[in-house]
Amino acid sequence: MQVISDLEVLKVLWKEGDKGTASRQIDHWAYFPSSAAAQQFSQWVQARGYRLDQVDTTDDEKFCVRFFHVGTCELAEISSHTLALRRSASELGGEYDGWETSVCRATPSYVKP
C-alpha cells in the first residue's frame, strides 16, 4: 500500500513536469498516541539522518512528528524511505502519514547553433 501511495504523489509531480531526479527537501509526518512514542520515533529518525522539524500535539491529542530529508523523488529511493518509516512508526503504535515536496521542473537545455 505504501508504494501505491508513493506512486500517487509521484504522478502529481510528473503531471507538473517534475522528473523526480532533482534532489530537494522531502517532508514527512507521523502520528503517535503518546509523547513517549513520538520521542522514541524522533530519536529513531534523527539517528538515520533525518532532520527533525517539530513535535506537536494535534487537536485530537495525538503527537505529530514532522521531519524531512534531502533526496530525489525516484520511486525506488522514496519508497526505501517510506517503507522503513511506516514500519518503524507502526512498531511504536503510531502511523506514518506520508510525504510531500516541491515541484522541481527540469530546466530546458539550449543548444547553440
Protein backbone atom coordinates (compact mmCIF):
# COMPACT_ATOMS: atom_id res chain seq x y z
CA MET A 1 0.00 0.00 0.00
CA GLN A 2 2.83 2.42 0.78
CA VAL A 3 4.36 2.08 -2.69
CA ILE A 4 0.93 2.77 -4.22
CA SER A 5 0.64 5.89 -2.06
CA ASP A 6 4.13 6.97 -3.17
CA LEU A 7 3.13 6.46 -6.81
CA GLU A 8 0.08 8.70 -6.34
CA VAL A 9 2.27 11.57 -5.11
CA LEU A 10 4.78 10.95 -7.90
CA LYS A 11 2.00 11.08 -10.53
CA VAL A 12 1.06 14.57 -9.32
CA LEU A 13 4.70 15.65 -9.56
CA TRP A 14 5.06 14.11 -13.04
CA LYS A 15 1.94 15.93 -14.26
CA GLU A 16 3.59 19.18 -13.16
CA GLY A 17 6.74 18.41 -15.18
CA ASP A 18 8.88 17.04 -12.34
CA LYS A 19 11.03 14.10 -13.48
CA GLY A 20 11.95 13.19 -9.88
CA THR A 21 15.71 13.24 -10.39
CA ALA A 22 16.44 16.59 -8.72
CA SER A 23 17.48 16.50 -5.07
CA ARG A 24 15.20 18.52 -2.81
CA GLN A 25 13.71 18.64 0.70
CA ILE A 26 11.08 15.97 1.29
CA ASP A 27 8.80 16.50 4.29
CA HIS A 28 7.28 13.62 6.28
CA TRP A 29 4.65 13.25 9.03
CA ALA A 30 3.93 10.56 11.59
CA TYR A 31 1.35 10.48 14.40
CA PHE A 32 1.58 8.74 17.78
CA PRO A 33 -0.77 8.10 20.70
CA SER A 34 1.79 9.15 23.34
CA SER A 35 4.57 11.65 23.82
CA ALA A 36 6.95 8.80 24.71
CA ALA A 37 6.32 7.02 21.39
CA ALA A 38 6.71 10.30 19.48
CA GLN A 39 10.02 10.99 21.23
CA GLN A 40 11.29 7.48 20.57
CA PHE A 41 10.39 7.79 16.87
CA SER A 42 12.03 11.25 16.75
CA GLN A 43 15.26 9.74 18.05
CA TRP A 44 14.99 6.88 15.54
CA VAL A 45 14.60 9.21 12.53
CA GLN A 46 17.39 11.52 13.67
CA ALA A 47 19.74 8.54 14.12
CA ARG A 48 19.07 7.70 10.45
CA GLY A 49 19.94 11.16 9.16
CA TYR A 50 16.51 12.79 9.01
CA ARG A 51 16.19 16.35 10.29
CA LEU A 52 13.54 16.88 12.94
CA ASP A 53 11.24 19.80 12.17
CA GLN A 54 8.76 19.73 15.04
CA VAL A 55 6.87 17.55 17.51
CA ASP A 56 3.36 18.91 18.23
CA THR A 57 0.14 17.77 19.78
CA THR A 58 -2.87 17.74 17.48
CA ASP A 59 -6.45 18.76 18.24
CA ASP A 60 -7.34 15.11 18.81
CA GLU A 61 -4.49 14.78 21.32
CA LYS A 62 -2.13 12.76 19.14
CA PHE A 63 1.53 13.63 18.85
CA CYS A 64 2.69 14.67 15.39
CA VAL A 65 6.33 14.29 14.40
CA ARG A 66 7.34 16.37 11.39
CA PHE A 67 10.73 15.73 9.83
CA PHE A 68 12.50 15.83 6.48
CA HIS A 69 15.35 14.56 4.39
CA VAL A 70 17.00 15.74 1.20
CA GLY A 71 16.83 13.36 -1.74
CA THR A 72 15.26 12.59 -5.09
CA CYS A 73 11.71 11.54 -5.85
CA GLU A 74 12.61 8.48 -7.85
CA LEU A 75 10.31 5.65 -6.83
CA ALA A 76 12.99 3.27 -5.53
CA GLU A 77 14.61 5.98 -3.40
CA ILE A 78 11.45 7.49 -1.94
CA SER A 79 9.92 4.08 -1.23
CA SER A 80 13.06 2.93 0.57
CA HIS A 81 12.41 5.80 2.99
CA THR A 82 8.66 5.49 3.30
CA LEU A 83 8.56 1.72 3.83
CA ALA A 84 11.07 1.95 6.70
CA LEU A 85 9.27 4.95 8.20
CA ARG A 86 5.88 3.20 8.06
CA ARG A 87 7.32 0.08 9.68
CA SER A 88 9.06 1.99 12.48
CA ALA A 89 6.02 4.17 13.24
CA SER A 90 3.79 1.10 13.35
CA GLU A 91 6.14 -0.72 15.73
CA LEU A 92 5.72 2.19 18.15
CA GLY A 93 1.91 2.21 17.86
CA GLY A 94 1.92 5.17 15.50
CA GLU A 95 1.01 5.89 11.92
CA TYR A 96 3.22 7.21 9.14
CA ASP A 97 1.09 9.77 7.31
CA GLY A 98 3.10 10.34 4.15
CA TRP A 99 5.26 12.91 2.45
CA GLU A 100 5.24 15.96 0.24
CA THR A 101 7.75 18.08 -1.60
CA SER A 102 8.01 20.97 -4.02
CA VAL A 103 7.86 20.51 -7.78
CA CYS A 104 11.28 20.70 -9.45
CA ARG A 105 10.82 21.15 -13.17
CA ALA A 106 13.73 20.38 -15.46
CA THR A 107 15.29 23.47 -16.93
CA PRO A 108 15.43 23.35 -20.70
CA SER A 109 18.87 22.96 -22.17
CA TYR A 110 19.64 25.19 -25.08
CA VAL A 111 21.94 24.14 -27.86
CA LYS A 112 23.93 26.79 -29.64
CA PRO A 113 23.50 26.71 -33.43
